[in-house]
C-alpha atoms as a PDB file:
ATOM      1  CA  MET A   1      51.297 -78.350  38.745  1.00  0.00           C
ATOM      2  CA  SER A   2      47.708 -77.039  36.816  1.00  0.00           C
ATOM      3  CA  GLY A   3      47.920 -75.877  40.237  1.00  0.00           C
ATOM      4  CA  HIS A   4      50.489 -73.923  40.311  1.00  0.00           C
ATOM      5  CA  MET A   5      48.996 -72.440  36.929  1.00  0.00           C
ATOM      6  CA  LYS A   6      45.724 -70.941  38.740  1.00  0.00           C
ATOM      7  CA  THR A   7      48.300 -69.599  41.518  1.00  0.00           C
ATOM      8  CA  LEU A   8      50.925 -67.279  38.772  1.00  0.00           C
ATOM      9  CA  ASP A   9      47.309 -66.911  36.866  1.00  0.00           C
ATOM     10  CA  THR A  10      45.662 -64.792  40.074  1.00  0.00           C
ATOM     11  CA  LEU A  11      48.287 -63.751  41.144  1.00  0.00           C
ATOM     12  CA  TRP A  12      49.960 -61.418  38.222  1.00  0.00           C
ATOM     13  CA  VAL A  13      45.178 -60.792  38.480  1.00  0.00           C
ATOM     14  CA  TRP A  14      45.280 -59.637  41.545  1.00  0.00           C
ATOM     15  CA  GLY A  15      49.243 -57.638  40.361  1.00  0.00           C
ATOM     16  CA  ARG A  16      46.896 -55.976  37.808  1.00  0.00           C
ATOM     17  CA  GLU A  17      44.120 -54.786  39.542  1.00  0.00           C
ATOM     18  CA  VAL A  18      45.862 -52.718  42.472  1.00  0.00           C
ATOM     19  CA  GLN A  19      47.942 -51.495  39.725  1.00  0.00           C
ATOM     20  CA  VAL A  20      51.651 -52.834  41.262  1.00  0.00           C
ATOM     21  CA  ASN A  21      54.296 -52.583  39.107  1.00  0.00           C
ATOM     22  CA  LEU A  22      53.854 -56.823  37.192  1.00  0.00           C
ATOM     23  CA  LYS A  23      57.015 -55.719  35.766  1.00  0.00           C
ATOM     24  CA  ASP A  24      59.465 -55.125  38.900  1.00  0.00           C
ATOM     25  CA  ASP A  25      57.421 -55.877  41.562  1.00  0.00           C
ATOM     26  CA  MET A  26      56.330 -59.355  40.100  1.00  0.00           C
ATOM     27  CA  LEU A  27      57.833 -60.916  36.895  1.00  0.00           C
ATOM     28  CA  LEU A  28      61.275 -59.103  37.788  1.00  0.00           C
ATOM     29  CA  SER A  29      60.861 -59.472  42.142  1.00  0.00           C
ATOM     30  CA  LYS A  30      63.555 -62.101  44.355  1.00  0.00           C
ATOM     31  CA  GLY A  31      62.432 -64.314  46.800  1.00  0.00           C
ATOM     32  CA  ARG A  32      64.215 -65.599  50.115  1.00  0.00           C
ATOM     33  CA  SER A  33      66.336 -67.525  47.909  1.00  0.00           C
ATOM     34  CA  GLY A  34      67.265 -64.817  45.862  1.00  0.00           C
ATOM     35  CA  HIS A  35      65.582 -66.642  42.811  1.00  0.00           C
ATOM     36  CA  THR A  36      62.850 -64.752  40.102  1.00  0.00           C
ATOM     37  CA  ALA A  37      59.597 -66.850  39.463  1.00  0.00           C
ATOM     38  CA  PHE A  38      61.672 -67.893  36.213  1.00  0.00           C
ATOM     39  CA  ASN A  39      64.687 -68.963  38.006  1.00  0.00           C
ATOM     40  CA  ILE A  40      62.526 -71.428  39.716  1.00  0.00           C
ATOM     41  CA  ALA A  41      60.279 -73.144  37.249  1.00  0.00           C
ATOM     42  CA  ALA A  42      63.804 -73.762  35.124  1.00  0.00           C
ATOM     43  CA  GLU A  43      64.726 -75.521  38.268  1.00  0.00           C
ATOM     44  CA  LYS A  44      61.709 -77.308  38.762  1.00  0.00           C
ATOM     45  CA  CYS A  45      60.544 -77.888  35.440  1.00  0.00           C
ATOM     46  CA  PHE A  46      58.021 -76.201  35.197  1.00  0.00           C
ATOM     47  CA  LYS A  47      58.030 -75.488  31.306  1.00  0.00           C
ATOM     48  CA  GLU A  48      54.649 -74.133  30.748  1.00  0.00           C
ATOM     49  CA  ILE A  49      55.327 -71.914  33.393  1.00  0.00           C
ATOM     50  CA  LEU A  50      58.943 -70.355  31.735  1.00  0.00           C
ATOM     51  CA  GLN A  51      56.228 -70.153  28.387  1.00  0.00           C
ATOM     52  CA  LYS A  52      53.812 -68.404  30.824  1.00  0.00           C
ATOM     53  CA  LEU A  53      56.190 -65.896  32.291  1.00  0.00           C
ATOM     54  CA  TRP A  54      57.762 -65.431  28.470  1.00  0.00           C
ATOM     55  CA  GLY A  55      55.086 -64.165  27.366  1.00  0.00           C
ATOM     56  CA  TRP A  56      54.191 -61.182  30.057  1.00  0.00           C
ATOM     57  CA  GLY A  57      57.323 -60.407  29.896  1.00  0.00           C
ATOM     58  CA  THR A  58      56.816 -59.725  26.101  1.00  0.00           C
ATOM     59  CA  LYS A  59      53.332 -57.678  27.197  1.00  0.00           C
ATOM     60  CA  VAL A  60      55.497 -55.765  29.871  1.00  0.00           C
ATOM     61  CA  GLN A  61      58.390 -54.775  27.963  1.00  0.00           C
ATOM     62  CA  VAL A  62      61.107 -56.630  30.015  1.00  0.00           C
ATOM     63  CA  ASN A  63      64.338 -57.269  28.116  1.00  0.00           C
ATOM     64  CA  LEU A  64      63.942 -61.090  28.136  1.00  0.00           C
ATOM     65  CA  LYS A  65      67.471 -61.786  27.383  1.00  0.00           C
ATOM     66  CA  ASP A  66      69.008 -60.235  30.653  1.00  0.00           C
ATOM     67  CA  ASP A  67      65.934 -59.522  32.764  1.00  0.00           C
ATOM     68  CA  LEU A  68      64.820 -63.083  32.454  1.00  0.00           C
ATOM     69  CA  LEU A  69      66.548 -65.674  30.469  1.00  0.00           C
ATOM     70  CA  LEU A  70      70.032 -64.068  32.166  1.00  0.00           C
ATOM     71  CA  ALA A  71      68.611 -62.458  35.545  1.00  0.00           C
ATOM     72  CA  LYS A  72      70.785 -63.992  38.248  1.00  0.00           C
ATOM     73  CA  GLY A  73      70.314 -65.580  41.496  1.00  0.00           C
ATOM     74  CA  ARG A  74      72.054 -65.327  44.599  1.00  0.00           C
ATOM     75  CA  ASN A  75      74.693 -67.177  44.210  1.00  0.00           C
ATOM     76  CA  GLY A  76      74.618 -65.656  40.828  1.00  0.00           C
ATOM     77  CA  GLN A  77      73.389 -69.008  38.451  1.00  0.00           C
ATOM     78  CA  THR A  78      71.168 -67.890  35.523  1.00  0.00           C
ATOM     79  CA  ALA A  79      67.855 -70.279  34.825  1.00  0.00           C
ATOM     80  CA  PHE A  80      70.464 -71.826  32.290  1.00  0.00           C
ATOM     81  CA  ASN A  81      73.270 -72.546  34.437  1.00  0.00           C
ATOM     82  CA  ILE A  82      70.107 -74.750  37.069  1.00  0.00           C
ATOM     83  CA  ALA A  83      68.210 -76.093  34.193  1.00  0.00           C
ATOM     84  CA  ALA A  84      71.785 -78.385  33.483  1.00  0.00           C
ATOM     85  CA  GLU A  85      72.919 -77.598  37.447  1.00  0.00           C
ATOM     86  CA  GLU A  86      69.474 -80.471  37.321  1.00  0.00           C
ATOM     87  CA  GLY A  87      69.545 -81.634  34.002  1.00  0.00           C
ATOM     88  CA  ASN A  88      66.494 -81.108  32.433  1.00  0.00           C
ATOM     89  CA  LYS A  89      67.612 -80.885  28.762  1.00  0.00           C
ATOM     90  CA  GLU A  90      63.177 -79.720  27.891  1.00  0.00           C
ATOM     91  CA  ILE A  91      64.472 -76.955  30.115  1.00  0.00           C
ATOM     92  CA  LEU A  92      67.156 -75.842  28.492  1.00  0.00           C
ATOM     93  CA  GLU A  93      66.250 -76.665  24.764  1.00  0.00           C
ATOM     94  CA  LYS A  94      63.319 -74.772  25.916  1.00  0.00           C
ATOM     95  CA  LEU A  95      65.430 -71.546  27.149  1.00  0.00           C
ATOM     96  CA  ARG A  96      67.826 -72.000  23.988  1.00  0.00           C
ATOM     97  CA  ASP A  97      65.215 -71.261  21.527  1.00  0.00           C
END
């Protein structure tokens, strides 16, 4: 997990350095699967990454509820749906808080 965090931190720093739109081009962007990083972190039960993405969302003024928590992937599932489907009780509790 620490490798994922280091990679995420590095990408965020690089994004700031080259002045990309951190909100739209990084935090809310979707990959080939149609999922945001937040969706993937919920699926993989990466609690620390969810917390980091949530914190970054507050810094770049993301609508946390609509843009992160309720963002739908290609199949129409939100991070909450994905966590429930995967049986990630800890993540469901974190998303609820």
